[in-house]
Every structure is written in structure tokens, then in C-alpha cells.
Amino acid sequence: MSRAVVRYALSLGAGILAGFLCWLMGVPTPAPPWIALVGLLGIVIGESGGRLLLTRLRRRSATSSGAPAPDGDESARHVNDRKRRRA
């Protein structure tokens, strides 16, 4: 199993254990379940969206400045041009 799957499984297990302990002690959960889940979903979407936005902005600024894009497409073209010139 990959590390990400193990982390998700551990997180889920910890949440189930915490919920069971809260039920066993008769203590209400710290936050309303659905509201908390929607809030966590918002955090995940915000984090992913921020990462995507920054990546696009960095690529755009790198390509507009004449530097090769971080994905390496530009350098691959130069290598292929050199191979054609040798032939």
C-alpha cells in the first residue's frame, strides 16, 4: 500500500475511535458532523485551488520571461533539435 493510503486509513481509524469514545462517554462530538465535514471540504478545496493557482502563475511568469517552463517541454525541444542537426 502507498503511504497516502496508509495515512488516510490511519486518519479514518482515529476518527472512528474518537467518535466511539465520545459515544461511550456520552459526550457530544466537538462539532456538528455535517457542518464540520463541509468546513473540512472547504479547506481541502482551498488548499488545492491555491496550489493550482500558484503553479499556473509561476508557469505563466516563467514562459513570459523567456525561461523554459518548469515541466521541461522547452528543454526537450532543444535536445531534439540538436539530434536533428547531428544527423
N, C-alpha and C. Protein backbone atom coordinates (compact mmCIF):
# COMPACT_ATOMS: atom_id res chain seq x y z
N MET A 1 0.83 -1.18 0.00
CA MET A 1 0.00 0.00 0.00
C MET A 1 0.87 1.24 0.00
N SER A 2 0.39 2.26 -0.66
CA SER A 2 1.15 3.50 -0.70
C SER A 2 1.01 4.24 0.64
N ARG A 3 1.92 5.18 0.85
CA ARG A 3 1.91 5.94 2.10
C ARG A 3 0.64 6.76 2.24
N ALA A 4 0.15 7.29 1.13
CA ALA A 4 -1.07 8.11 1.19
C ALA A 4 -2.26 7.27 1.66
N VAL A 5 -2.38 6.06 1.16
CA VAL A 5 -3.49 5.19 1.55
C VAL A 5 -3.39 4.86 3.04
N VAL A 6 -2.18 4.59 3.51
CA VAL A 6 -1.98 4.29 4.92
C VAL A 6 -2.36 5.49 5.78
N ARG A 7 -1.98 6.67 5.34
CA ARG A 7 -2.32 7.89 6.10
C ARG A 7 -3.83 8.08 6.17
N TYR A 8 -4.52 7.89 5.04
CA TYR A 8 -5.96 8.03 5.03
C TYR A 8 -6.61 6.98 5.94
N ALA A 9 -6.12 5.77 5.90
CA ALA A 9 -6.68 4.70 6.74
C ALA A 9 -6.46 5.01 8.22
N LEU A 10 -5.27 5.49 8.58
CA LEU A 10 -5.00 5.85 9.97
C LEU A 10 -5.88 7.01 10.42
N SER A 11 -6.06 7.98 9.55
CA SER A 11 -6.90 9.13 9.88
C SER A 11 -8.35 8.70 10.09
N LEU A 12 -8.84 7.85 9.21
CA LEU A 12 -10.20 7.34 9.34
C LEU A 12 -10.34 6.53 10.63
N GLY A 13 -9.37 5.68 10.91
CA GLY A 13 -9.40 4.88 12.14
C GLY A 13 -9.39 5.74 13.39
N ALA A 14 -8.57 6.79 13.39
CA ALA A 14 -8.52 7.70 14.53
C ALA A 14 -9.85 8.42 14.72
N GLY A 15 -10.48 8.81 13.61
CA GLY A 15 -11.79 9.46 13.69
C GLY A 15 -12.86 8.53 14.22
N ILE A 16 -12.84 7.29 13.76
CA ILE A 16 -13.82 6.30 14.25
C ILE A 16 -13.61 6.04 15.73
N LEU A 17 -12.36 5.91 16.14
CA LEU A 17 -12.06 5.68 17.56
C LEU A 17 -12.51 6.87 18.41
N ALA A 18 -12.24 8.08 17.94
CA ALA A 18 -12.67 9.27 18.69
C ALA A 18 -14.19 9.34 18.78
N GLY A 19 -14.88 9.03 17.71
CA GLY A 19 -16.34 9.02 17.73
C GLY A 19 -16.89 7.97 18.67
N PHE A 20 -16.27 6.81 18.67
CA PHE A 20 -16.70 5.74 19.57
C PHE A 20 -16.48 6.13 21.02
N LEU A 21 -15.32 6.73 21.31
CA LEU A 21 -15.05 7.15 22.69
C LEU A 21 -16.01 8.25 23.14
N CYS A 22 -16.33 9.17 22.25
CA CYS A 22 -17.30 10.22 22.59
C CYS A 22 -18.66 9.60 22.89
N TRP A 23 -19.07 8.64 22.09
CA TRP A 23 -20.36 7.97 22.30
C TRP A 23 -20.33 7.19 23.62
N LEU A 24 -19.23 6.50 23.88
CA LEU A 24 -19.10 5.68 25.07
C LEU A 24 -19.18 6.53 26.34
N MET A 25 -18.58 7.71 26.33
CA MET A 25 -18.58 8.58 27.49
C MET A 25 -19.82 9.47 27.55
N GLY A 26 -20.63 9.44 26.51
CA GLY A 26 -21.84 10.26 26.48
C GLY A 26 -21.56 11.72 26.21
N VAL A 27 -20.43 12.01 25.62
CA VAL A 27 -20.03 13.38 25.30
C VAL A 27 -20.40 13.66 23.84
N PRO A 28 -21.03 14.79 23.56
CA PRO A 28 -21.33 15.10 22.16
C PRO A 28 -20.04 15.37 21.39
N THR A 29 -20.09 15.13 20.11
CA THR A 29 -18.91 15.37 19.29
C THR A 29 -18.56 16.86 19.33
N PRO A 30 -17.28 17.18 19.15
CA PRO A 30 -16.84 18.57 19.28
C PRO A 30 -17.51 19.54 18.31
N ALA A 31 -17.93 19.08 17.16
CA ALA A 31 -18.56 19.96 16.17
C ALA A 31 -19.71 19.20 15.53
N PRO A 32 -20.71 19.91 15.06
CA PRO A 32 -21.78 19.22 14.32
C PRO A 32 -21.16 18.48 13.13
N PRO A 33 -21.42 17.21 12.98
CA PRO A 33 -20.72 16.39 11.98
C PRO A 33 -20.78 16.93 10.55
N TRP A 34 -21.96 17.28 10.07
CA TRP A 34 -22.05 17.70 8.67
C TRP A 34 -21.43 19.07 8.44
N ILE A 35 -21.61 19.95 9.39
CA ILE A 35 -21.01 21.29 9.25
C ILE A 35 -19.48 21.16 9.28
N ALA A 36 -18.97 20.30 10.15
CA ALA A 36 -17.52 20.10 10.23
C ALA A 36 -16.98 19.50 8.94
N LEU A 37 -17.70 18.53 8.38
CA LEU A 37 -17.24 17.91 7.14
C LEU A 37 -17.25 18.90 5.97
N VAL A 38 -18.26 19.74 5.92
CA VAL A 38 -18.31 20.75 4.86
C VAL A 38 -17.16 21.74 5.03
N GLY A 39 -16.87 22.11 6.28
CA GLY A 39 -15.74 23.00 6.53
C GLY A 39 -14.42 22.38 6.13
N LEU A 40 -14.24 21.10 6.45
CA LEU A 40 -13.01 20.41 6.05
C LEU A 40 -12.91 20.31 4.53
N LEU A 41 -14.02 20.05 3.87
CA LEU A 41 -14.02 20.02 2.41
C LEU A 41 -13.60 21.37 1.84
N GLY A 42 -14.09 22.44 2.44
CA GLY A 42 -13.69 23.78 2.01
C GLY A 42 -12.20 24.01 2.17
N ILE A 43 -11.64 23.53 3.27
CA ILE A 43 -10.20 23.67 3.49
C ILE A 43 -9.42 22.93 2.42
N VAL A 44 -9.83 21.71 2.11
CA VAL A 44 -9.13 20.91 1.10
C VAL A 44 -9.23 21.57 -0.27
N ILE A 45 -10.43 22.06 -0.62
CA ILE A 45 -10.61 22.73 -1.92
C ILE A 45 -9.76 24.00 -1.97
N GLY A 46 -9.75 24.76 -0.90
CA GLY A 46 -8.94 25.98 -0.87
C GLY A 46 -7.46 25.71 -1.01
N GLU A 47 -6.99 24.66 -0.34
CA GLU A 47 -5.58 24.31 -0.43
C GLU A 47 -5.21 23.86 -1.85
N SER A 48 -6.04 23.00 -2.42
CA SER A 48 -5.77 22.51 -3.77
C SER A 48 -5.88 23.64 -4.80
N GLY A 49 -6.89 24.48 -4.64
CA GLY A 49 -7.06 25.60 -5.56
C GLY A 49 -5.91 26.59 -5.47
N GLY A 50 -5.44 26.84 -4.26
CA GLY A 50 -4.30 27.75 -4.09
C GLY A 50 -3.05 27.20 -4.73
N ARG A 51 -2.82 25.91 -4.55
CA ARG A 51 -1.64 25.28 -5.15
C ARG A 51 -1.73 25.34 -6.68
N LEU A 52 -2.91 25.06 -7.23
CA LEU A 52 -3.10 25.09 -8.68
C LEU A 52 -2.90 26.50 -9.21
N LEU A 53 -3.46 27.48 -8.51
CA LEU A 53 -3.32 28.87 -8.95
C LEU A 53 -1.86 29.32 -8.94
N LEU A 54 -1.14 29.01 -7.87
CA LEU A 54 0.27 29.40 -7.81
C LEU A 54 1.10 28.71 -8.89
N THR A 55 0.81 27.44 -9.15
CA THR A 55 1.54 26.72 -10.20
C THR A 55 1.32 27.37 -11.55
N ARG A 56 0.08 27.72 -11.85
CA ARG A 56 -0.22 28.36 -13.14
C ARG A 56 0.43 29.74 -13.25
N LEU A 57 0.39 30.49 -12.16
CA LEU A 57 1.01 31.82 -12.19
C LEU A 57 2.52 31.71 -12.38
N ARG A 58 3.15 30.74 -11.73
CA ARG A 58 4.60 30.56 -11.89
C ARG A 58 4.94 30.15 -13.31
N ARG A 59 4.16 29.27 -13.89
CA ARG A 59 4.41 28.85 -15.27
C ARG A 59 4.23 30.02 -16.23
N ARG A 60 3.18 30.80 -15.99
CA ARG A 60 2.92 31.94 -16.88
C ARG A 60 4.06 32.95 -16.80
N SER A 61 4.55 33.24 -15.59
CA SER A 61 5.63 34.21 -15.45
C SER A 61 6.94 33.65 -16.00
N ALA A 62 7.15 32.33 -15.90
CA ALA A 62 8.38 31.73 -16.42
C ALA A 62 8.37 31.74 -17.94
N THR A 63 7.23 31.48 -18.56
CA THR A 63 7.18 31.45 -20.03
C THR A 63 7.19 32.86 -20.60
N SER A 64 6.63 33.84 -19.89
CA SER A 64 6.64 35.21 -20.41
C SER A 64 8.02 35.85 -20.27
N SER A 65 8.85 35.34 -19.35
CA SER A 65 10.19 35.92 -19.19
C SER A 65 11.20 35.27 -20.13
N GLY A 66 10.77 34.29 -20.89
CA GLY A 66 11.67 33.64 -21.83
C GLY A 66 12.36 32.41 -21.27
N ALA A 67 12.17 32.15 -19.99
CA ALA A 67 12.76 30.96 -19.37
C ALA A 67 11.93 29.74 -19.74
N PRO A 68 12.55 28.57 -19.78
CA PRO A 68 11.78 27.37 -20.11
C PRO A 68 10.75 27.08 -19.02
N ALA A 69 9.64 26.48 -19.42
CA ALA A 69 8.58 26.13 -18.48
C ALA A 69 9.08 25.06 -17.52
N PRO A 70 8.57 25.02 -16.30
CA PRO A 70 9.04 24.05 -15.31
C PRO A 70 8.78 22.60 -15.69
N ASP A 71 7.86 22.34 -16.63
CA ASP A 71 7.57 20.96 -16.97
C ASP A 71 8.61 20.36 -17.90
N GLY A 72 9.54 21.12 -18.40
CA GLY A 72 10.64 20.59 -19.18
C GLY A 72 10.38 20.46 -20.67
N ASP A 73 9.23 20.92 -21.16
CA ASP A 73 8.93 20.80 -22.59
C ASP A 73 9.94 21.55 -23.44
N GLU A 74 10.32 22.72 -22.99
CA GLU A 74 11.25 23.55 -23.76
C GLU A 74 12.60 22.88 -23.89
N SER A 75 13.11 22.30 -22.81
CA SER A 75 14.42 21.67 -22.87
C SER A 75 14.38 20.42 -23.75
N ALA A 76 13.26 19.71 -23.76
CA ALA A 76 13.13 18.53 -24.61
C ALA A 76 13.19 18.94 -26.07
N ARG A 77 12.60 20.07 -26.42
CA ARG A 77 12.65 20.54 -27.82
C ARG A 77 14.09 20.85 -28.24
N HIS A 78 14.86 21.47 -27.34
CA HIS A 78 16.25 21.78 -27.67
C HIS A 78 17.07 20.52 -27.88
N VAL A 79 16.85 19.51 -27.09
CA VAL A 79 17.57 18.25 -27.25
C VAL A 79 17.23 17.61 -28.58
N ASN A 80 15.94 17.62 -28.93
CA ASN A 80 15.54 17.05 -30.22
C ASN A 80 16.11 17.84 -31.39
N ASP A 81 16.19 19.17 -31.27
CA ASP A 81 16.80 19.98 -32.34
C ASP A 81 18.27 19.64 -32.52
N ARG A 82 18.98 19.44 -31.43
CA ARG A 82 20.41 19.08 -31.52
C ARG A 82 20.58 17.73 -32.19
N LYS A 83 19.71 16.78 -31.88
CA LYS A 83 19.81 15.45 -32.50
C LYS A 83 19.57 15.54 -34.00
N ARG A 84 18.64 16.37 -34.43
CA ARG A 84 18.36 16.53 -35.86
C ARG A 84 19.54 17.17 -36.59
N ARG A 85 20.18 18.14 -35.94
CA ARG A 85 21.33 18.80 -36.57
C ARG A 85 22.50 17.86 -36.77
N ARG A 86 22.69 16.92 -35.85
CA ARG A 86 23.80 15.97 -35.97
C ARG A 86 23.57 14.99 -37.11
N ALA A 87 22.34 14.65 -37.37
CA ALA A 87 22.04 13.64 -38.39
C ALA A 87 22.26 14.12 -39.79
